[in-house]
């Protein structure tokens, strides 16, 4: 099942590498046949229904059940749908906030994209505030768009934060190391002094 792709996990891929997404389905006498889906992260792109194209050089990574992405050492963050970032409010314009997240352009965030927000009950967000948000639109043809709620409409850790803390810029490689399930960097840091961290995929650490 995605065997050709799985065999490359942990290996270096280069732009132009291509893989098949053919799925070997298993018959069951008790359950209907369900095709399994593969989710592609940064560095990978679909070509048709059955092909996968590598668009960035780096190491292929995998997360259960079928999530694949290419881990590389780029300097500038490129937004990807579903990733969480730390943004800075730069503009309040009508019903939309503009955020700087360190990319090539700013992202938009609707005031309704907060838990409990309505037309009458607007969130208290000011220029300069730090926001932990998630991309729902991130492609080269559209303006990046963020939300501060999950699929159930709950904040779940997203929203305005940062009072009394410090904001640092770190490498994207360090961010990935900090977000690993068993991060050696985070473990060593917490041994030195207890702390609370917010890690953005865009290379910002609070």
C-alpha atoms as a PDB file:
ATOM      1  CA  UNK A   1       0.000   0.000   0.000  1.00  0.00           C
ATOM      2  CA  UNK A   2       1.826   3.089  -1.303  1.00  0.00           C
ATOM      3  CA  UNK A   3       4.806   0.722  -1.049  1.00  0.00           C
ATOM      4  CA  UNK A   4       6.983   2.643  -3.499  1.00  0.00           C
ATOM      5  CA  UNK A   5       6.542   5.805  -1.462  1.00  0.00           C
ATOM      6  CA  UNK A   6       6.957   4.118   1.920  1.00  0.00           C
ATOM      7  CA  UNK A   7      10.261   2.592   0.852  1.00  0.00           C
ATOM      8  CA  UNK A   8      11.659   6.105   0.322  1.00  0.00           C
ATOM      9  CA  UNK A   9      10.780   7.405   3.807  1.00  0.00           C
ATOM     10  CA  UNK A  10      13.951   8.793   5.407  1.00  0.00           C
ATOM     11  CA  UNK A  11      15.706   9.121   2.048  1.00  0.00           C
ATOM     12  CA  UNK A  12      16.587  12.259   0.103  1.00  0.00           C
ATOM     13  CA  UNK A  13      14.282  13.137  -2.802  1.00  0.00           C
ATOM     14  CA  UNK A  14      14.845  15.736  -5.520  1.00  0.00           C
ATOM     15  CA  UNK A  15      12.411  17.756  -7.644  1.00  0.00           C
ATOM     16  CA  UNK A  16      11.120  15.690 -10.538  1.00  0.00           C
ATOM     17  CA  UNK A  17      10.965  12.375  -8.669  1.00  0.00           C
ATOM     18  CA  UNK A  18       7.626  10.728  -9.359  1.00  0.00           C
ATOM     19  CA  UNK A  19       5.687   7.999  -7.570  1.00  0.00           C
ATOM     20  CA  UNK A  20       2.491   6.062  -8.108  1.00  0.00           C
ATOM     21  CA  UNK A  21      -0.411   6.358  -5.681  1.00  0.00           C
ATOM     22  CA  UNK A  22      -1.947   3.040  -6.664  1.00  0.00           C
ATOM     23  CA  UNK A  23      -3.533   1.384  -3.622  1.00  0.00           C
ATOM     24  CA  UNK A  24      -3.607  -2.364  -3.016  1.00  0.00           C
ATOM     25  CA  UNK A  25      -7.038  -2.872  -1.533  1.00  0.00           C
ATOM     26  CA  UNK A  26      -7.841  -5.823   0.729  1.00  0.00           C
ATOM     27  CA  UNK A  27     -11.167  -7.610   0.427  1.00  0.00           C
ATOM     28  CA  UNK A  28     -13.272  -8.074   3.560  1.00  0.00           C
ATOM     29  CA  UNK A  29     -16.323 -10.294   4.044  1.00  0.00           C
ATOM     30  CA  UNK A  30     -17.757  -8.044   6.758  1.00  0.00           C
ATOM     31  CA  UNK A  31     -16.873  -4.499   5.671  1.00  0.00           C
ATOM     32  CA  UNK A  32     -17.406  -2.692   2.368  1.00  0.00           C
ATOM     33  CA  UNK A  33     -14.353  -1.960   0.259  1.00  0.00           C
ATOM     34  CA  UNK A  34     -12.978   1.495   1.097  1.00  0.00           C
ATOM     35  CA  UNK A  35     -10.140   3.055  -0.898  1.00  0.00           C
ATOM     36  CA  UNK A  36      -7.522   4.629   1.351  1.00  0.00           C
ATOM     37  CA  UNK A  37      -6.405   8.204   0.805  1.00  0.00           C
ATOM     38  CA  UNK A  38      -2.940   9.694   1.046  1.00  0.00           C
ATOM     39  CA  UNK A  39      -2.430  13.237   2.356  1.00  0.00           C
ATOM     40  CA  UNK A  40       0.421  15.273   0.907  1.00  0.00           C
ATOM     41  CA  UNK A  41       2.297  17.965   2.796  1.00  0.00           C
ATOM     42  CA  UNK A  42       4.935  20.514   1.738  1.00  0.00           C
ATOM     43  CA  UNK A  43       7.259  19.428  -1.055  1.00  0.00           C
ATOM     44  CA  UNK A  44       4.824  17.018  -2.691  1.00  0.00           C
ATOM     45  CA  UNK A  45       2.195  17.611  -5.363  1.00  0.00           C
ATOM     46  CA  UNK A  46      -0.415  15.455  -7.059  1.00  0.00           C
ATOM     47  CA  UNK A  47      -0.192  14.883 -10.797  1.00  0.00           C
ATOM     48  CA  UNK A  48      -3.557  13.517 -11.863  1.00  0.00           C
ATOM     49  CA  UNK A  49      -5.313  10.929  -9.704  1.00  0.00           C
ATOM     50  CA  UNK A  50      -2.560   8.322  -9.480  1.00  0.00           C
ATOM     51  CA  UNK A  51       0.734  10.193  -9.592  1.00  0.00           C
ATOM     52  CA  UNK A  52       2.764  12.120  -7.034  1.00  0.00           C
ATOM     53  CA  UNK A  53       5.460  14.633  -7.974  1.00  0.00           C
ATOM     54  CA  UNK A  54       8.301  15.849  -5.749  1.00  0.00           C
ATOM     55  CA  UNK A  55       8.681  19.655  -6.034  1.00  0.00           C
ATOM     56  CA  UNK A  56      11.276  20.309  -3.303  1.00  0.00           C
ATOM     57  CA  UNK A  57      14.515  18.564  -2.419  1.00  0.00           C
ATOM     58  CA  UNK A  58      14.775  17.101   1.066  1.00  0.00           C
ATOM     59  CA  UNK A  59      14.094  14.058   3.229  1.00  0.00           C
ATOM     60  CA  UNK A  60      10.778  12.239   2.838  1.00  0.00           C
ATOM     61  CA  UNK A  61       8.846  11.973   6.104  1.00  0.00           C
ATOM     62  CA  UNK A  62       5.756   9.956   7.013  1.00  0.00           C
ATOM     63  CA  UNK A  63       3.077  10.053   9.688  1.00  0.00           C
ATOM     64  CA  UNK A  64       0.422   7.417  10.253  1.00  0.00           C
ATOM     65  CA  UNK A  65      -1.756   6.521   8.584  1.00  0.00           C
ATOM     66  CA  UNK A  66      -0.946   8.008   5.154  1.00  0.00           C
ATOM     67  CA  UNK A  67       0.560  11.488   5.546  1.00  0.00           C
ATOM     68  CA  UNK A  68       3.746  12.272   3.594  1.00  0.00           C
ATOM     69  CA  UNK A  69       5.854  15.416   3.225  1.00  0.00           C
ATOM     70  CA  UNK A  70       9.366  16.533   2.291  1.00  0.00           C
ATOM     71  CA  UNK A  71      11.469  18.016   5.085  1.00  0.00           C
ATOM     72  CA  UNK A  72      14.000  20.505   3.796  1.00  0.00           C
ATOM     73  CA  UNK A  73      16.077  23.424   5.050  1.00  0.00           C
ATOM     74  CA  UNK A  74      14.517  26.411   3.323  1.00  0.00           C
ATOM     75  CA  UNK A  75      14.989  29.882   4.785  1.00  0.00           C
ATOM     76  CA  UNK A  76      11.664  31.497   3.920  1.00  0.00           C
ATOM     77  CA  UNK A  77       8.480  29.899   5.196  1.00  0.00           C
ATOM     78  CA  UNK A  78       5.961  28.870   2.529  1.00  0.00           C
ATOM     79  CA  UNK A  79       2.414  28.495   3.921  1.00  0.00           C
ATOM     80  CA  UNK A  80       0.667  25.140   3.697  1.00  0.00           C
ATOM     81  CA  UNK A  81      -2.974  24.360   4.384  1.00  0.00           C
ATOM     82  CA  UNK A  82      -3.529  22.992   7.884  1.00  0.00           C
ATOM     83  CA  UNK A  83      -0.285  24.319   9.378  1.00  0.00           C
ATOM     84  CA  UNK A  84      -0.366  26.498  12.494  1.00  0.00           C
ATOM     85  CA  UNK A  85       1.690  29.680  12.687  1.00  0.00           C
ATOM     86  CA  UNK A  86       2.385  32.650  14.929  1.00  0.00           C
ATOM     87  CA  UNK A  87       1.299  35.852  13.211  1.00  0.00           C
ATOM     88  CA  UNK A  88       1.441  39.530  14.141  1.00  0.00           C
ATOM     89  CA  UNK A  89      -1.600  41.732  13.524  1.00  0.00           C
ATOM     90  CA  UNK A  90      -0.534  44.601  11.253  1.00  0.00           C
ATOM     91  CA  UNK A  91      -3.820  46.054   9.985  1.00  0.00           C
ATOM     92  CA  UNK A  92      -7.457  46.223  11.116  1.00  0.00           C
ATOM     93  CA  UNK A  93      -9.547  46.824   8.013  1.00  0.00           C
ATOM     94  CA  UNK A  94     -13.316  46.474   8.298  1.00  0.00           C
ATOM     95  CA  UNK A  95     -14.160  42.837   8.939  1.00  0.00           C
ATOM     96  CA  UNK A  96     -10.671  41.511   8.233  1.00  0.00           C
ATOM     97  CA  UNK A  97      -7.326  41.585  10.033  1.00  0.00           C
ATOM     98  CA  UNK A  98      -4.018  41.402   8.172  1.00  0.00           C
ATOM     99  CA  UNK A  99      -1.206  39.322   9.672  1.00  0.00           C
ATOM    100  CA  UNK A 100       2.510  39.186   9.068  1.00  0.00           C
ATOM    101  CA  UNK A 101       3.673  35.567   9.285  1.00  0.00           C
ATOM    102  CA  UNK A 102       7.093  35.974   7.675  1.00  0.00           C
ATOM    103  CA  UNK A 103       6.030  34.935   4.178  1.00  0.00           C
ATOM    104  CA  UNK A 104       6.192  36.779   0.868  1.00  0.00           C
ATOM    105  CA  UNK A 105       2.764  38.340   1.494  1.00  0.00           C
ATOM    106  CA  UNK A 106       0.447  38.936   4.422  1.00  0.00           C
ATOM    107  CA  UNK A 107      -2.465  36.681   5.354  1.00  0.00           C
ATOM    108  CA  UNK A 108      -6.063  37.621   6.098  1.00  0.00           C
ATOM    109  CA  UNK A 109      -8.032  36.670   9.216  1.00  0.00           C
ATOM    110  CA  UNK A 110     -11.763  37.347   9.538  1.00  0.00           C
ATOM    111  CA  UNK A 111     -13.048  38.626  12.882  1.00  0.00           C
ATOM    112  CA  UNK A 112     -15.653  35.821  12.660  1.00  0.00           C
ATOM    113  CA  UNK A 113     -12.843  33.220  12.627  1.00  0.00           C
ATOM    114  CA  UNK A 114     -12.605  33.287  16.449  1.00  0.00           C
ATOM    115  CA  UNK A 115     -14.511  31.104  18.904  1.00  0.00           C
ATOM    116  CA  UNK A 116     -17.771  32.767  19.947  1.00  0.00           C
ATOM    117  CA  UNK A 117     -17.344  35.716  17.580  1.00  0.00           C
ATOM    118  CA  UNK A 118     -20.479  37.273  16.057  1.00  0.00           C
ATOM    119  CA  UNK A 119     -21.299  40.550  14.351  1.00  0.00           C
ATOM    120  CA  UNK A 120     -22.222  41.987  17.745  1.00  0.00           C
ATOM    121  CA  UNK A 121     -19.574  40.190  19.786  1.00  0.00           C
ATOM    122  CA  UNK A 122     -16.300  40.979  18.061  1.00  0.00           C
ATOM    123  CA  UNK A 123     -12.977  39.689  19.411  1.00  0.00           C
ATOM    124  CA  UNK A 124     -10.708  42.188  21.140  1.00  0.00           C
ATOM    125  CA  UNK A 125      -7.788  42.161  18.709  1.00  0.00           C
ATOM    126  CA  UNK A 126      -5.375  45.065  18.332  1.00  0.00           C
ATOM    127  CA  UNK A 127      -2.538  45.913  15.946  1.00  0.00           C
ATOM    128  CA  UNK A 128       0.644  44.327  17.297  1.00  0.00           C
ATOM    129  CA  UNK A 129      -1.111  41.389  18.976  1.00  0.00           C
ATOM    130  CA  UNK A 130       0.308  37.891  18.529  1.00  0.00           C
ATOM    131  CA  UNK A 131      -2.095  35.318  17.103  1.00  0.00           C
ATOM    132  CA  UNK A 132      -1.734  31.543  16.921  1.00  0.00           C
ATOM    133  CA  UNK A 133      -3.733  30.574  13.837  1.00  0.00           C
ATOM    134  CA  UNK A 134      -4.177  27.871  11.209  1.00  0.00           C
ATOM    135  CA  UNK A 135      -4.136  28.163   7.424  1.00  0.00           C
ATOM    136  CA  UNK A 136      -7.331  27.151   5.629  1.00  0.00           C
ATOM    137  CA  UNK A 137      -6.269  28.637   2.283  1.00  0.00           C
ATOM    138  CA  UNK A 138      -2.641  28.444   1.172  1.00  0.00           C
ATOM    139  CA  UNK A 139      -1.808  28.230  -2.517  1.00  0.00           C
ATOM    140  CA  UNK A 140      -0.023  30.307  -5.122  1.00  0.00           C
ATOM    141  CA  UNK A 141      -3.246  31.539  -6.736  1.00  0.00           C
ATOM    142  CA  UNK A 142      -5.062  32.919  -3.674  1.00  0.00           C
ATOM    143  CA  UNK A 143      -4.322  35.162  -0.706  1.00  0.00           C
ATOM    144  CA  UNK A 144      -3.405  33.103   2.399  1.00  0.00           C
ATOM    145  CA  UNK A 145      -6.315  32.877   4.831  1.00  0.00           C
ATOM    146  CA  UNK A 146      -6.190  31.964   8.529  1.00  0.00           C
ATOM    147  CA  UNK A 147      -8.671  30.922  11.214  1.00  0.00           C
ATOM    148  CA  UNK A 148      -8.501  30.691  15.009  1.00  0.00           C
ATOM    149  CA  UNK A 149     -10.968  27.805  15.374  1.00  0.00           C
ATOM    150  CA  UNK A 150     -10.870  24.100  14.565  1.00  0.00           C
ATOM    151  CA  UNK A 151     -13.393  22.200  12.432  1.00  0.00           C
ATOM    152  CA  UNK A 152     -15.790  22.095  15.398  1.00  0.00           C
ATOM    153  CA  UNK A 153     -15.685  25.865  15.877  1.00  0.00           C
ATOM    154  CA  UNK A 154     -13.579  25.648  19.048  1.00  0.00           C
ATOM    155  CA  UNK A 155     -10.429  27.643  19.753  1.00  0.00           C
ATOM    156  CA  UNK A 156      -8.509  24.540  20.871  1.00  0.00           C
ATOM    157  CA  UNK A 157      -5.403  26.586  21.708  1.00  0.00           C
ATOM    158  CA  UNK A 158      -5.737  29.018  18.807  1.00  0.00           C
ATOM    159  CA  UNK A 159      -6.292  32.758  19.180  1.00  0.00           C
ATOM    160  CA  UNK A 160      -4.651  35.873  20.619  1.00  0.00           C
ATOM    161  CA  UNK A 161      -1.859  35.214  23.128  1.00  0.00           C
ATOM    162  CA  UNK A 162       1.605  36.356  24.166  1.00  0.00           C
ATOM    163  CA  UNK A 163       1.109  38.819  27.017  1.00  0.00           C
ATOM    164  CA  UNK A 164       4.240  38.768  29.173  1.00  0.00           C
ATOM    165  CA  UNK A 165       6.254  36.452  26.949  1.00  0.00           C
ATOM    166  CA  UNK A 166       9.074  36.759  24.418  1.00  0.00           C
ATOM    167  CA  UNK A 167       8.957  36.089  20.679  1.00  0.00           C
ATOM    168  CA  UNK A 168      11.958  34.522  18.918  1.00  0.00           C
ATOM    169  CA  UNK A 169      12.716  33.667  15.307  1.00  0.00           C
ATOM    170  CA  UNK A 170      14.316  30.249  14.805  1.00  0.00           C
ATOM    171  CA  UNK A 171      15.152  28.043  11.831  1.00  0.00           C
ATOM    172  CA  UNK A 172      12.423  25.946  10.238  1.00  0.00           C
ATOM    173  CA  UNK A 173      14.539  22.868  10.941  1.00  0.00           C
ATOM    174  CA  UNK A 174      14.537  23.615  14.677  1.00  0.00           C
ATOM    175  CA  UNK A 175      10.757  24.062  14.584  1.00  0.00           C
ATOM    176  CA  UNK A 176      10.331  20.559  13.181  1.00  0.00           C
ATOM    177  CA  UNK A 177      12.641  19.149  15.871  1.00  0.00           C
ATOM    178  CA  UNK A 178      10.627  20.881  18.600  1.00  0.00           C
ATOM    179  CA  UNK A 179       7.352  19.496  17.235  1.00  0.00           C
ATOM    180  CA  UNK A 180       8.485  15.875  17.150  1.00  0.00           C
ATOM    181  CA  UNK A 181       6.532  13.575  19.510  1.00  0.00           C
ATOM    182  CA  UNK A 182       9.702  12.964  21.555  1.00  0.00           C
ATOM    183  CA  UNK A 183      11.752  16.096  21.022  1.00  0.00           C
ATOM    184  CA  UNK A 184      15.246  15.868  22.498  1.00  0.00           C
ATOM    185  CA  UNK A 185      15.626  19.657  22.248  1.00  0.00           C
ATOM    186  CA  UNK A 186      12.401  20.308  24.153  1.00  0.00           C
ATOM    187  CA  UNK A 187      13.259  17.682  26.760  1.00  0.00           C
ATOM    188  CA  UNK A 188      16.683  19.239  27.425  1.00  0.00           C
ATOM    189  CA  UNK A 189      15.168  22.725  27.572  1.00  0.00           C
ATOM    190  CA  UNK A 190      12.561  21.737  30.151  1.00  0.00           C
ATOM    191  CA  UNK A 191      15.251  20.137  32.307  1.00  0.00           C
ATOM    192  CA  UNK A 192      17.035  23.480  32.543  1.00  0.00           C
ATOM    193  CA  UNK A 193      13.933  25.501  33.447  1.00  0.00           C
ATOM    194  CA  UNK A 194      10.169  24.887  33.262  1.00  0.00           C
ATOM    195  CA  UNK A 195       8.568  26.897  30.484  1.00  0.00           C
ATOM    196  CA  UNK A 196       5.517  27.152  28.288  1.00  0.00           C
ATOM    197  CA  UNK A 197       6.130  27.253  24.544  1.00  0.00           C
ATOM    198  CA  UNK A 198       4.064  28.122  21.504  1.00  0.00           C
ATOM    199  CA  UNK A 199       5.731  26.896  18.317  1.00  0.00           C
ATOM    200  CA  UNK A 200       4.712  28.202  14.905  1.00  0.00           C
ATOM    201  CA  UNK A 201       5.557  26.289  11.756  1.00  0.00           C
ATOM    202  CA  UNK A 202       6.704  29.615  10.294  1.00  0.00           C
ATOM    203  CA  UNK A 203       9.836  29.699  12.454  1.00  0.00           C
ATOM    204  CA  UNK A 204       8.467  31.758  15.326  1.00  0.00           C
ATOM    205  CA  UNK A 205       8.765  30.616  18.910  1.00  0.00           C
ATOM    206  CA  UNK A 206       7.100  32.214  21.928  1.00  0.00           C
END
